[in-house]
Amino acid sequence: MGSLLKRLFLWEYGRATLPYDIICILILLFIWGAPHQWFRDQPRIPQTSQIASLPSRDESMFWIDTELVSAFPDNQRLEGLSKVLTQRTGKTQHLTRIEPILDSEQEIRGYMAFARR
């Protein structure tokens, strides 16, 4: 029994042998069959990171993902995003402006949207 465990642990079986194939099948069954709760894996909730509300005194501020902003044409962007924010927050939002947020390489990483209260 000890030599069997040693051979399994050190993977001493040659390719295309029956023990090698069985071990490979067992590994694949574990990968595909293990419940995600064992690894504390959480499902990704779609669109949760597209909008984030930020604290402000005078006006409401929101960080908006670039994908959401690019879904609207330039001339309808403020109106469309106002409707989306109204749906997501449950409060009427009237955007006054949106400003791009650039990284160090001058690529757009998101937008700051400002709404009057």
N, C-alpha and C. Protein backbone atom coordinates (compact mmCIF):
# COMPACT_ATOMS: atom_id res chain seq x y z
N MET A 1 0.82 -1.20 0.00
CA MET A 1 0.00 0.00 0.00
C MET A 1 0.86 1.26 0.00
N GLY A 2 1.97 1.22 0.74
CA GLY A 2 2.87 2.38 0.80
C GLY A 2 3.49 2.70 -0.55
N SER A 3 3.87 1.66 -1.30
CA SER A 3 4.48 1.91 -2.61
C SER A 3 3.45 2.45 -3.60
N LEU A 4 2.19 2.02 -3.46
CA LEU A 4 1.12 2.53 -4.33
C LEU A 4 0.91 4.03 -4.09
N LEU A 5 0.85 4.43 -2.81
CA LEU A 5 0.68 5.85 -2.50
C LEU A 5 1.89 6.67 -2.95
N LYS A 6 3.08 6.08 -2.80
CA LYS A 6 4.28 6.78 -3.25
C LYS A 6 4.24 6.99 -4.76
N ARG A 7 3.84 5.96 -5.50
CA ARG A 7 3.77 6.07 -6.96
C ARG A 7 2.69 7.07 -7.38
N LEU A 8 1.56 7.09 -6.66
CA LEU A 8 0.50 8.06 -6.97
C LEU A 8 0.98 9.48 -6.69
N PHE A 9 1.60 9.69 -5.53
CA PHE A 9 2.04 11.01 -5.13
C PHE A 9 3.14 11.54 -6.05
N LEU A 10 4.06 10.69 -6.44
CA LEU A 10 5.18 11.11 -7.29
C LEU A 10 4.87 10.98 -8.78
N TRP A 11 3.66 10.48 -9.09
CA TRP A 11 3.19 10.38 -10.48
C TRP A 11 4.20 9.59 -11.33
N GLU A 12 4.45 8.36 -10.92
CA GLU A 12 5.46 7.54 -11.57
C GLU A 12 4.92 6.65 -12.67
N TYR A 13 3.65 6.81 -13.01
CA TYR A 13 3.09 5.98 -14.06
C TYR A 13 3.38 6.59 -15.43
N GLY A 14 3.69 5.73 -16.38
CA GLY A 14 3.97 6.19 -17.74
C GLY A 14 2.70 6.62 -18.45
N ARG A 15 2.86 7.48 -19.44
CA ARG A 15 1.70 7.93 -20.22
C ARG A 15 1.10 6.76 -20.98
N ALA A 16 -0.19 6.84 -21.18
CA ALA A 16 -0.97 5.85 -21.93
C ALA A 16 -1.04 4.50 -21.23
N THR A 17 -0.78 4.48 -19.93
CA THR A 17 -0.99 3.25 -19.16
C THR A 17 -2.33 3.37 -18.45
N LEU A 18 -2.88 2.25 -18.04
CA LEU A 18 -4.19 2.25 -17.40
C LEU A 18 -4.18 3.05 -16.10
N PRO A 19 -3.21 2.90 -15.19
CA PRO A 19 -3.22 3.72 -13.97
C PRO A 19 -3.13 5.22 -14.26
N TYR A 20 -2.34 5.61 -15.25
CA TYR A 20 -2.21 7.02 -15.63
C TYR A 20 -3.56 7.55 -16.09
N ASP A 21 -4.25 6.82 -16.94
CA ASP A 21 -5.55 7.25 -17.45
C ASP A 21 -6.58 7.33 -16.33
N ILE A 22 -6.55 6.39 -15.41
CA ILE A 22 -7.50 6.40 -14.29
C ILE A 22 -7.26 7.61 -13.40
N ILE A 23 -6.01 7.91 -13.11
CA ILE A 23 -5.69 9.09 -12.29
C ILE A 23 -6.16 10.37 -12.98
N CYS A 24 -5.93 10.46 -14.28
CA CYS A 24 -6.36 11.65 -15.03
C CYS A 24 -7.88 11.79 -14.99
N ILE A 25 -8.59 10.70 -15.14
CA ILE A 25 -10.06 10.73 -15.09
C ILE A 25 -10.53 11.15 -13.71
N LEU A 26 -9.89 10.62 -12.65
CA LEU A 26 -10.27 11.00 -11.29
C LEU A 26 -10.04 12.50 -11.03
N ILE A 27 -8.94 13.01 -11.55
CA ILE A 27 -8.65 14.45 -11.38
C ILE A 27 -9.70 15.29 -12.10
N LEU A 28 -10.04 14.92 -13.32
CA LEU A 28 -11.05 15.66 -14.06
C LEU A 28 -12.42 15.57 -13.40
N LEU A 29 -12.77 14.40 -12.88
CA LEU A 29 -14.04 14.27 -12.17
C LEU A 29 -14.07 15.15 -10.93
N PHE A 30 -12.96 15.25 -10.23
CA PHE A 30 -12.90 16.13 -9.07
C PHE A 30 -13.07 17.59 -9.48
N ILE A 31 -12.37 18.00 -10.53
CA ILE A 31 -12.45 19.39 -10.99
C ILE A 31 -13.87 19.75 -11.39
N TRP A 32 -14.51 18.89 -12.18
CA TRP A 32 -15.86 19.20 -12.68
C TRP A 32 -16.95 18.88 -11.67
N GLY A 33 -16.70 17.98 -10.74
CA GLY A 33 -17.75 17.53 -9.85
C GLY A 33 -17.74 18.12 -8.46
N ALA A 34 -16.65 18.78 -8.09
CA ALA A 34 -16.57 19.34 -6.74
C ALA A 34 -17.52 20.53 -6.60
N PRO A 35 -18.31 20.57 -5.55
CA PRO A 35 -19.21 21.71 -5.35
C PRO A 35 -18.43 23.00 -5.13
N HIS A 36 -18.91 24.11 -5.71
CA HIS A 36 -18.18 25.37 -5.58
C HIS A 36 -18.15 25.87 -4.14
N GLN A 37 -19.04 25.39 -3.27
CA GLN A 37 -19.03 25.81 -1.88
C GLN A 37 -17.77 25.33 -1.15
N TRP A 38 -17.18 24.24 -1.60
CA TRP A 38 -15.97 23.73 -0.97
C TRP A 38 -14.84 24.76 -1.04
N PHE A 39 -14.85 25.57 -2.07
CA PHE A 39 -13.76 26.52 -2.30
C PHE A 39 -14.19 27.95 -2.04
N ARG A 40 -15.35 28.12 -1.44
CA ARG A 40 -15.92 29.43 -1.13
C ARG A 40 -16.01 30.29 -2.38
N ASP A 41 -16.26 29.67 -3.49
CA ASP A 41 -16.40 30.36 -4.76
C ASP A 41 -17.80 30.96 -4.82
N GLN A 42 -17.86 32.23 -5.14
CA GLN A 42 -19.15 32.91 -5.21
C GLN A 42 -19.46 33.24 -6.66
N PRO A 43 -20.71 33.09 -7.06
CA PRO A 43 -21.05 33.45 -8.44
C PRO A 43 -20.91 34.95 -8.63
N ARG A 44 -20.54 35.33 -9.82
CA ARG A 44 -20.38 36.74 -10.14
C ARG A 44 -21.75 37.32 -10.46
N ILE A 45 -22.10 38.36 -9.76
CA ILE A 45 -23.38 39.01 -10.01
C ILE A 45 -23.17 40.01 -11.14
N PRO A 46 -23.90 39.86 -12.23
CA PRO A 46 -23.66 40.76 -13.37
C PRO A 46 -24.03 42.20 -13.04
N GLN A 47 -23.24 43.11 -13.56
CA GLN A 47 -23.47 44.55 -13.50
C GLN A 47 -23.40 45.14 -12.11
N THR A 48 -22.84 44.45 -11.13
CA THR A 48 -22.75 45.07 -9.80
C THR A 48 -21.66 46.12 -9.75
N SER A 49 -20.64 45.98 -10.57
CA SER A 49 -19.54 46.93 -10.49
C SER A 49 -19.65 48.02 -11.56
N GLN A 50 -20.75 48.09 -12.28
CA GLN A 50 -20.87 49.09 -13.32
C GLN A 50 -21.16 50.48 -12.77
N ILE A 51 -21.81 50.54 -11.61
CA ILE A 51 -22.14 51.83 -11.01
C ILE A 51 -21.82 51.77 -9.52
N ALA A 52 -21.16 52.80 -9.04
CA ALA A 52 -20.89 52.91 -7.61
C ALA A 52 -21.23 54.33 -7.17
N SER A 53 -21.96 54.44 -6.08
CA SER A 53 -22.32 55.75 -5.54
C SER A 53 -21.21 56.21 -4.61
N LEU A 54 -20.83 57.47 -4.74
CA LEU A 54 -19.75 58.03 -3.93
C LEU A 54 -20.29 59.16 -3.06
N PRO A 55 -19.78 59.30 -1.83
CA PRO A 55 -20.29 60.35 -0.95
C PRO A 55 -19.90 61.74 -1.44
N SER A 56 -20.84 62.67 -1.28
CA SER A 56 -20.60 64.05 -1.66
C SER A 56 -21.58 64.93 -0.92
N ARG A 57 -21.24 66.21 -0.75
CA ARG A 57 -22.12 67.12 -0.01
C ARG A 57 -23.17 67.76 -0.89
N ASP A 58 -22.73 68.38 -1.97
CA ASP A 58 -23.63 69.22 -2.76
C ASP A 58 -24.40 68.46 -3.83
N GLU A 59 -23.77 67.48 -4.42
CA GLU A 59 -24.42 66.75 -5.50
C GLU A 59 -24.08 65.27 -5.38
N SER A 60 -24.90 64.44 -5.99
CA SER A 60 -24.63 63.00 -5.99
C SER A 60 -23.55 62.70 -7.01
N MET A 61 -22.62 61.82 -6.63
CA MET A 61 -21.55 61.42 -7.54
C MET A 61 -21.62 59.91 -7.72
N PHE A 62 -21.39 59.49 -8.96
CA PHE A 62 -21.42 58.07 -9.28
C PHE A 62 -20.22 57.73 -10.15
N TRP A 63 -19.60 56.60 -9.86
CA TRP A 63 -18.60 56.06 -10.77
C TRP A 63 -19.33 55.10 -11.69
N ILE A 64 -19.13 55.24 -13.00
CA ILE A 64 -19.84 54.42 -13.99
C ILE A 64 -18.80 53.75 -14.88
N ASP A 65 -18.98 52.46 -15.11
CA ASP A 65 -18.09 51.67 -15.94
C ASP A 65 -18.16 52.14 -17.39
N THR A 66 -17.05 52.01 -18.12
CA THR A 66 -16.99 52.47 -19.51
C THR A 66 -17.95 51.71 -20.42
N GLU A 67 -18.18 50.43 -20.13
CA GLU A 67 -19.09 49.64 -20.97
C GLU A 67 -20.51 50.19 -20.92
N LEU A 68 -20.94 50.62 -19.76
CA LEU A 68 -22.28 51.16 -19.62
C LEU A 68 -22.41 52.50 -20.33
N VAL A 69 -21.38 53.35 -20.24
CA VAL A 69 -21.42 54.65 -20.90
C VAL A 69 -21.39 54.49 -22.41
N SER A 70 -20.57 53.57 -22.90
CA SER A 70 -20.46 53.39 -24.35
C SER A 70 -21.70 52.78 -24.97
N ALA A 71 -22.62 52.29 -24.15
CA ALA A 71 -23.87 51.73 -24.68
C ALA A 71 -24.81 52.81 -25.20
N PHE A 72 -24.54 54.08 -24.86
CA PHE A 72 -25.39 55.18 -25.28
C PHE A 72 -24.67 56.06 -26.29
N PRO A 73 -25.37 56.55 -27.32
CA PRO A 73 -24.75 57.51 -28.24
C PRO A 73 -24.41 58.81 -27.51
N ASP A 74 -23.44 59.55 -28.02
CA ASP A 74 -22.98 60.77 -27.35
C ASP A 74 -24.10 61.75 -27.05
N ASN A 75 -25.02 61.96 -28.01
CA ASN A 75 -26.06 62.96 -27.82
C ASN A 75 -27.17 62.51 -26.86
N GLN A 76 -27.22 61.23 -26.50
CA GLN A 76 -28.25 60.71 -25.60
C GLN A 76 -27.65 60.17 -24.30
N ARG A 77 -26.38 60.42 -24.09
CA ARG A 77 -25.67 59.81 -22.97
C ARG A 77 -26.19 60.27 -21.60
N LEU A 78 -26.34 61.58 -21.39
CA LEU A 78 -26.80 62.08 -20.10
C LEU A 78 -28.21 61.59 -19.79
N GLU A 79 -29.10 61.66 -20.77
CA GLU A 79 -30.48 61.22 -20.56
C GLU A 79 -30.55 59.72 -20.29
N GLY A 80 -29.83 58.92 -21.07
CA GLY A 80 -29.85 57.47 -20.89
C GLY A 80 -29.27 57.03 -19.56
N LEU A 81 -28.14 57.63 -19.18
CA LEU A 81 -27.53 57.28 -17.90
C LEU A 81 -28.38 57.76 -16.73
N SER A 82 -29.08 58.89 -16.89
CA SER A 82 -30.00 59.35 -15.84
C SER A 82 -31.08 58.32 -15.59
N LYS A 83 -31.62 57.75 -16.66
CA LYS A 83 -32.66 56.72 -16.52
C LYS A 83 -32.12 55.47 -15.84
N VAL A 84 -30.91 55.06 -16.21
CA VAL A 84 -30.30 53.88 -15.60
C VAL A 84 -30.07 54.11 -14.11
N LEU A 85 -29.53 55.28 -13.78
CA LEU A 85 -29.28 55.60 -12.37
C LEU A 85 -30.58 55.68 -11.58
N THR A 86 -31.62 56.22 -12.18
CA THR A 86 -32.92 56.29 -11.52
C THR A 86 -33.45 54.90 -11.22
N GLN A 87 -33.30 53.99 -12.19
CA GLN A 87 -33.75 52.60 -11.99
C GLN A 87 -32.94 51.92 -10.90
N ARG A 88 -31.64 52.11 -10.90
CA ARG A 88 -30.78 51.39 -9.96
C ARG A 88 -30.84 51.95 -8.55
N THR A 89 -31.04 53.28 -8.40
CA THR A 89 -31.04 53.87 -7.08
C THR A 89 -32.44 53.98 -6.49
N GLY A 90 -33.46 53.97 -7.34
CA GLY A 90 -34.82 54.13 -6.86
C GLY A 90 -35.18 55.59 -6.60
N LYS A 91 -34.28 56.50 -6.92
CA LYS A 91 -34.52 57.93 -6.77
C LYS A 91 -34.30 58.61 -8.12
N THR A 92 -35.05 59.65 -8.38
CA THR A 92 -34.88 60.38 -9.64
C THR A 92 -33.52 61.04 -9.67
N GLN A 93 -32.77 60.77 -10.72
CA GLN A 93 -31.43 61.34 -10.88
C GLN A 93 -31.40 62.16 -12.17
N HIS A 94 -30.91 63.39 -12.08
CA HIS A 94 -30.74 64.26 -13.25
C HIS A 94 -29.26 64.55 -13.38
N LEU A 95 -28.60 63.89 -14.31
CA LEU A 95 -27.16 64.10 -14.48
C LEU A 95 -26.89 65.47 -15.07
N THR A 96 -25.90 66.14 -14.52
CA THR A 96 -25.49 67.45 -15.03
C THR A 96 -24.28 67.31 -15.95
N ARG A 97 -23.41 66.36 -15.63
CA ARG A 97 -22.22 66.15 -16.47
C ARG A 97 -21.60 64.80 -16.15
N ILE A 98 -20.80 64.31 -17.10
CA ILE A 98 -19.97 63.13 -16.86
C ILE A 98 -18.55 63.47 -17.29
N GLU A 99 -17.60 62.97 -16.53
CA GLU A 99 -16.19 63.25 -16.82
C GLU A 99 -15.43 61.93 -16.88
N PRO A 100 -14.58 61.76 -17.89
CA PRO A 100 -13.80 60.52 -17.98
C PRO A 100 -12.71 60.47 -16.91
N ILE A 101 -12.44 59.27 -16.43
CA ILE A 101 -11.34 59.02 -15.49
C ILE A 101 -10.25 58.30 -16.27
N LEU A 102 -9.08 58.90 -16.34
CA LEU A 102 -7.97 58.37 -17.13
C LEU A 102 -6.93 57.73 -16.22
N ASP A 103 -6.28 56.68 -16.73
CA ASP A 103 -5.18 56.08 -15.99
C ASP A 103 -3.87 56.75 -16.40
N SER A 104 -2.76 56.22 -15.94
CA SER A 104 -1.45 56.83 -16.23
C SER A 104 -1.08 56.78 -17.71
N GLU A 105 -1.71 55.90 -18.45
CA GLU A 105 -1.45 55.80 -19.88
C GLU A 105 -2.49 56.52 -20.71
N GLN A 106 -3.29 57.36 -20.05
CA GLN A 106 -4.33 58.18 -20.68
C GLN A 106 -5.43 57.35 -21.34
N GLU A 107 -5.68 56.17 -20.79
CA GLU A 107 -6.80 55.34 -21.25
C GLU A 107 -7.96 55.54 -20.29
N ILE A 108 -9.18 55.55 -20.82
CA ILE A 108 -10.36 55.76 -19.99
C ILE A 108 -10.65 54.50 -19.20
N ARG A 109 -10.73 54.64 -17.87
CA ARG A 109 -11.02 53.51 -16.97
C ARG A 109 -12.44 53.55 -16.43
N GLY A 110 -13.10 54.67 -16.56
CA GLY A 110 -14.45 54.82 -16.08
C GLY A 110 -14.87 56.27 -16.19
N TYR A 111 -16.03 56.59 -15.68
CA TYR A 111 -16.55 57.95 -15.74
C TYR A 111 -17.10 58.35 -14.38
N MET A 112 -16.94 59.61 -14.04
CA MET A 112 -17.59 60.20 -12.88
C MET A 112 -18.82 60.92 -13.39
N ALA A 113 -19.96 60.57 -12.84
CA ALA A 113 -21.22 61.22 -13.22
C ALA A 113 -21.69 62.05 -12.03
N PHE A 114 -22.14 63.25 -12.31
CA PHE A 114 -22.59 64.17 -11.28
C PHE A 114 -24.07 64.45 -11.49
N ALA A 115 -24.85 64.29 -10.43
CA ALA A 115 -26.30 64.51 -10.51
C ALA A 115 -26.70 65.52 -9.45
N ARG A 116 -27.63 66.39 -9.81
CA ARG A 116 -28.13 67.34 -8.82
C ARG A 116 -29.18 66.66 -7.98
N ARG A 117 -29.25 67.10 -6.75
CA ARG A 117 -30.21 66.50 -5.82
C ARG A 117 -31.53 67.20 -5.84
